[in-house]
Each structure stands twice: as structure tokens, then as C-alpha cells.
């Protein structure tokens, strides 16, 4: 009986947790390319342009090794400098959550990676985000096969609440045992 009551409590908690993040969207930076030196200087900006970034959305920067993520001011972004650095994330993968609206500027601060185009900016707006359509210049890159990454594989599109779904499935499996 105690197991049943605990199970009901856990089920109710999981349902509540699943409802909260349903409006948040995960944007996987760079799609299938991830966060690395891009094939051209506009790759990441082209990736960001069709998307809408909303409050509580999350950016996933999938990288390991010789990259980082730096959030900077507009002036620093345009010059690839770090005079007014807002945040630095030295180890990946990185998840950044947005809790306020406004402009955001990111780049990799390792060597000349910013100058090579490993940077993008966007505006966080009130409401829900969306993945937009794949920009025409990215179709060939996204469709082309890429070598397997050293980190766990990531999807090219957004993810909505999959962690909670996995938790719910685990709970159901536990209940059945």
C-alpha cells in the first residue's frame, strides 16, 4: 500500500513538472554541425535568423574541447573583443536559459574562432519560441552527412520537454515492476 501511495505522489509530481516546461523550447545551436568553426562566416547567424527565441527557451551549445561560449555586449560582439563580457561558459556542452527579453550576443572566444564566424546574435521575445524553417543556405549543410561527434548525438531540431517524458516513462516502468 505504501508503494502505491508513493507511486501516486510521484506520478502527480511528474505531471506537474511536465506541464511547466511545455512552453520552453530547446534550440540546438548550429543544428547538426553543433558549436564548432563554421563552414562560412554567416553560418550561425543564418541558423539563428529564422528562429524565434522566447522567454524560458534554452540554447544548447554542443561542443567539447577547444571551444567555449561567451555572452558579450553588442560592441564586443561586432569587434570580437571581451571588454564587457557578460558570461563565459568554458566547458561544454552548455545550456543557456533565457529569463528576460532583449538582445543577446554569443561567440567562441578561443583564438580567432569569432573572426571565423563562430558567433551569432538574436532577440528574446515575450511568449513562445519556434524553430522556424531551415534557411536555404543551410539546407545543403544540414542534409550532408557529418562525422559522428565525440559527444552524445544530438538532433538538428528543437526538443520540447523530452527530459520530463523520459522521466515519466521511467516512472511507469518502475510502477510495472
Protein backbone atom coordinates (compact mmCIF):
# COMPACT_ATOMS: atom_id res chain seq x y z
CA UNK A 1 0.00 0.00 0.00
CA UNK A 2 2.83 2.41 0.85
CA UNK A 3 4.41 1.77 -2.55
CA UNK A 4 1.11 2.58 -4.27
CA UNK A 5 0.71 5.89 -2.36
CA UNK A 6 4.31 6.85 -3.10
CA UNK A 7 3.74 5.98 -6.74
CA UNK A 8 0.68 8.23 -6.92
CA UNK A 9 2.61 11.07 -5.30
CA UNK A 10 5.49 10.66 -7.77
CA UNK A 11 3.06 10.47 -10.68
CA UNK A 12 1.35 13.71 -9.60
CA UNK A 13 4.73 15.43 -9.21
CA UNK A 14 5.85 14.26 -12.65
CA UNK A 15 2.62 15.54 -14.22
CA UNK A 16 3.14 18.96 -12.64
CA UNK A 17 6.75 19.07 -13.81
CA UNK A 18 5.80 18.04 -17.34
CA UNK A 19 3.35 20.91 -17.63
CA UNK A 20 5.82 23.66 -16.70
CA UNK A 21 8.47 23.21 -19.39
CA UNK A 22 5.98 22.53 -22.17
CA UNK A 23 6.24 26.11 -23.40
CA UNK A 24 10.05 26.19 -23.37
CA UNK A 25 11.94 25.22 -26.48
CA UNK A 26 15.46 23.86 -26.74
CA UNK A 27 17.40 25.31 -29.66
CA UNK A 28 20.42 23.18 -30.58
CA UNK A 29 22.94 25.77 -31.76
CA UNK A 30 24.14 25.08 -35.28
CA UNK A 31 21.80 22.13 -35.83
CA UNK A 32 23.72 19.04 -36.92
CA UNK A 33 27.01 20.97 -37.10
CA UNK A 34 26.91 21.88 -33.41
CA UNK A 35 29.16 24.60 -31.95
CA UNK A 36 32.40 24.50 -33.92
CA UNK A 37 34.28 26.51 -36.53
CA UNK A 38 31.63 27.01 -39.23
CA UNK A 39 31.99 26.41 -42.99
CA UNK A 40 31.40 30.14 -43.62
CA UNK A 41 31.26 33.38 -41.62
CA UNK A 42 27.46 33.69 -41.70
CA UNK A 43 26.58 30.08 -40.82
CA UNK A 44 25.46 30.67 -37.21
CA UNK A 45 23.66 33.92 -37.97
CA UNK A 46 21.88 32.18 -40.86
CA UNK A 47 20.97 29.40 -38.41
CA UNK A 48 19.53 31.91 -35.88
CA UNK A 49 17.66 34.22 -38.27
CA UNK A 50 14.53 32.10 -38.99
CA UNK A 51 14.08 31.17 -35.33
CA UNK A 52 12.05 32.89 -32.65
CA UNK A 53 13.65 32.82 -29.20
CA UNK A 54 11.11 33.14 -26.38
CA UNK A 55 11.25 33.58 -22.62
CA UNK A 56 12.32 30.36 -20.85
CA UNK A 57 13.73 28.93 -24.10
CA UNK A 58 17.09 27.23 -23.82
CA UNK A 59 20.11 27.20 -26.10
CA UNK A 60 22.15 24.02 -26.19
CA UNK A 61 25.73 24.56 -27.37
CA UNK A 62 27.01 21.05 -28.18
CA UNK A 63 30.81 21.11 -28.00
CA UNK A 64 33.84 19.69 -26.29
CA UNK A 65 37.46 20.61 -26.41
CA UNK A 66 38.82 23.75 -28.00
CA UNK A 67 35.70 25.92 -27.92
CA UNK A 68 33.81 27.98 -25.37
CA UNK A 69 30.74 30.20 -25.27
CA UNK A 70 30.97 33.85 -24.30
CA UNK A 71 28.00 36.20 -23.95
CA UNK A 72 29.09 39.77 -24.65
CA UNK A 73 27.82 43.28 -25.37
CA UNK A 74 26.92 44.38 -28.89
CA UNK A 75 30.18 46.34 -29.26
CA UNK A 76 32.29 43.37 -28.16
CA UNK A 77 30.32 41.12 -30.50
CA UNK A 78 30.97 43.34 -33.51
CA UNK A 79 34.71 43.60 -32.72
CA UNK A 80 35.21 40.07 -31.29
CA UNK A 81 36.54 41.56 -28.04
CA UNK A 82 35.74 40.80 -24.39
CA UNK A 83 35.80 44.21 -22.73
CA UNK A 84 32.19 43.91 -21.50
CA UNK A 85 31.88 40.15 -21.14
CA UNK A 86 28.55 39.16 -19.53
CA UNK A 87 29.02 35.38 -19.13
CA UNK A 88 31.61 32.78 -20.04
CA UNK A 89 30.99 29.05 -20.34
CA UNK A 90 34.38 27.33 -20.72
CA UNK A 91 33.28 23.67 -20.86
CA UNK A 92 30.62 22.06 -22.97
CA UNK A 93 28.06 21.10 -23.65
CA UNK A 94 26.39 24.28 -22.37
CA UNK A 95 22.70 25.03 -21.80
CA UNK A 96 21.73 28.71 -21.52
CA UNK A 97 18.24 29.62 -20.23
CA UNK A 98 16.62 32.96 -21.09
CA UNK A 99 14.55 34.67 -18.43
CA UNK A 100 14.41 38.20 -19.86
CA UNK A 101 13.63 39.75 -23.23
CA UNK A 102 16.16 41.64 -25.29
CA UNK A 103 19.26 41.26 -27.46
CA UNK A 104 21.80 38.51 -26.79
CA UNK A 105 25.25 38.17 -28.36
CA UNK A 106 27.33 34.98 -28.27
CA UNK A 107 30.64 33.86 -29.72
CA UNK A 108 33.53 31.49 -29.17
CA UNK A 109 36.44 33.31 -27.55
CA UNK A 110 39.12 30.75 -28.42
CA UNK A 111 41.78 32.07 -30.80
CA UNK A 112 40.24 33.62 -33.91
CA UNK A 113 37.08 31.48 -33.89
CA UNK A 114 34.90 34.58 -33.52
CA UNK A 115 36.57 36.19 -36.53
CA UNK A 116 35.98 32.96 -38.48
CA UNK A 117 32.22 33.27 -37.86
CA UNK A 118 31.61 31.22 -34.72
CA UNK A 119 29.17 33.82 -33.42
CA UNK A 120 25.53 34.89 -33.63
CA UNK A 121 23.04 37.26 -32.05
CA UNK A 122 19.27 37.25 -31.63
CA UNK A 123 16.43 38.84 -29.69
CA UNK A 124 14.49 37.05 -26.95
CA UNK A 125 10.81 38.00 -27.23
CA UNK A 126 7.84 37.54 -24.88
CA UNK A 127 5.98 34.31 -25.50
CA UNK A 128 6.92 31.03 -27.10
CA UNK A 129 9.87 30.35 -29.34
CA UNK A 130 9.85 28.45 -32.62
CA UNK A 131 12.42 26.68 -34.71
CA UNK A 132 11.44 28.48 -37.90
CA UNK A 133 12.30 26.99 -41.25
CA UNK A 134 15.73 25.81 -42.29
CA UNK A 135 17.41 28.72 -44.05
CA UNK A 136 18.12 27.95 -47.73
CA UNK A 137 21.88 28.36 -47.28
CA UNK A 138 21.82 25.70 -44.54
CA UNK A 139 19.90 23.02 -46.44
CA UNK A 140 23.00 21.51 -48.05
CA UNK A 141 24.97 21.60 -44.81
CA UNK A 142 22.18 20.02 -42.75
CA UNK A 143 21.46 17.40 -45.42
CA UNK A 144 25.14 16.49 -45.89
CA UNK A 145 26.43 13.59 -43.81
CA UNK A 146 28.68 14.63 -40.97
CA UNK A 147 31.18 12.59 -38.99
CA UNK A 148 29.91 11.21 -35.72
CA UNK A 149 30.54 13.67 -32.89
CA UNK A 150 32.61 12.65 -29.88
CA UNK A 151 29.75 13.63 -27.57
CA UNK A 152 26.35 12.00 -27.50
CA UNK A 153 24.46 12.54 -30.73
CA UNK A 154 22.06 15.48 -30.89
CA UNK A 155 19.09 16.15 -33.11
CA UNK A 156 19.12 19.06 -35.53
CA UNK A 157 15.76 20.40 -34.42
CA UNK A 158 14.26 21.70 -31.19
CA UNK A 159 13.31 19.48 -28.29
CA UNK A 160 10.25 20.16 -26.12
CA UNK A 161 10.22 18.61 -22.66
CA UNK A 162 11.84 15.28 -23.61
CA UNK A 163 13.60 15.01 -20.26
CA UNK A 164 10.27 15.01 -18.50
CA UNK A 165 8.86 12.46 -20.94
CA UNK A 166 11.82 10.17 -20.25
CA UNK A 167 11.26 10.62 -16.51
CA UNK A 168 7.58 9.78 -16.90
CA UNK A 169 8.39 6.63 -18.89
CA UNK A 170 10.88 5.62 -16.19
CA UNK A 171 8.20 6.13 -13.53
CA UNK A 172 5.69 4.00 -15.43
CA UNK A 173 8.31 1.26 -15.90
CA UNK A 174 9.07 1.38 -12.17
CA UNK A 175 5.36 1.06 -11.36
CA UNK A 176 5.05 -2.02 -13.54
CA UNK A 177 7.95 -3.83 -11.84
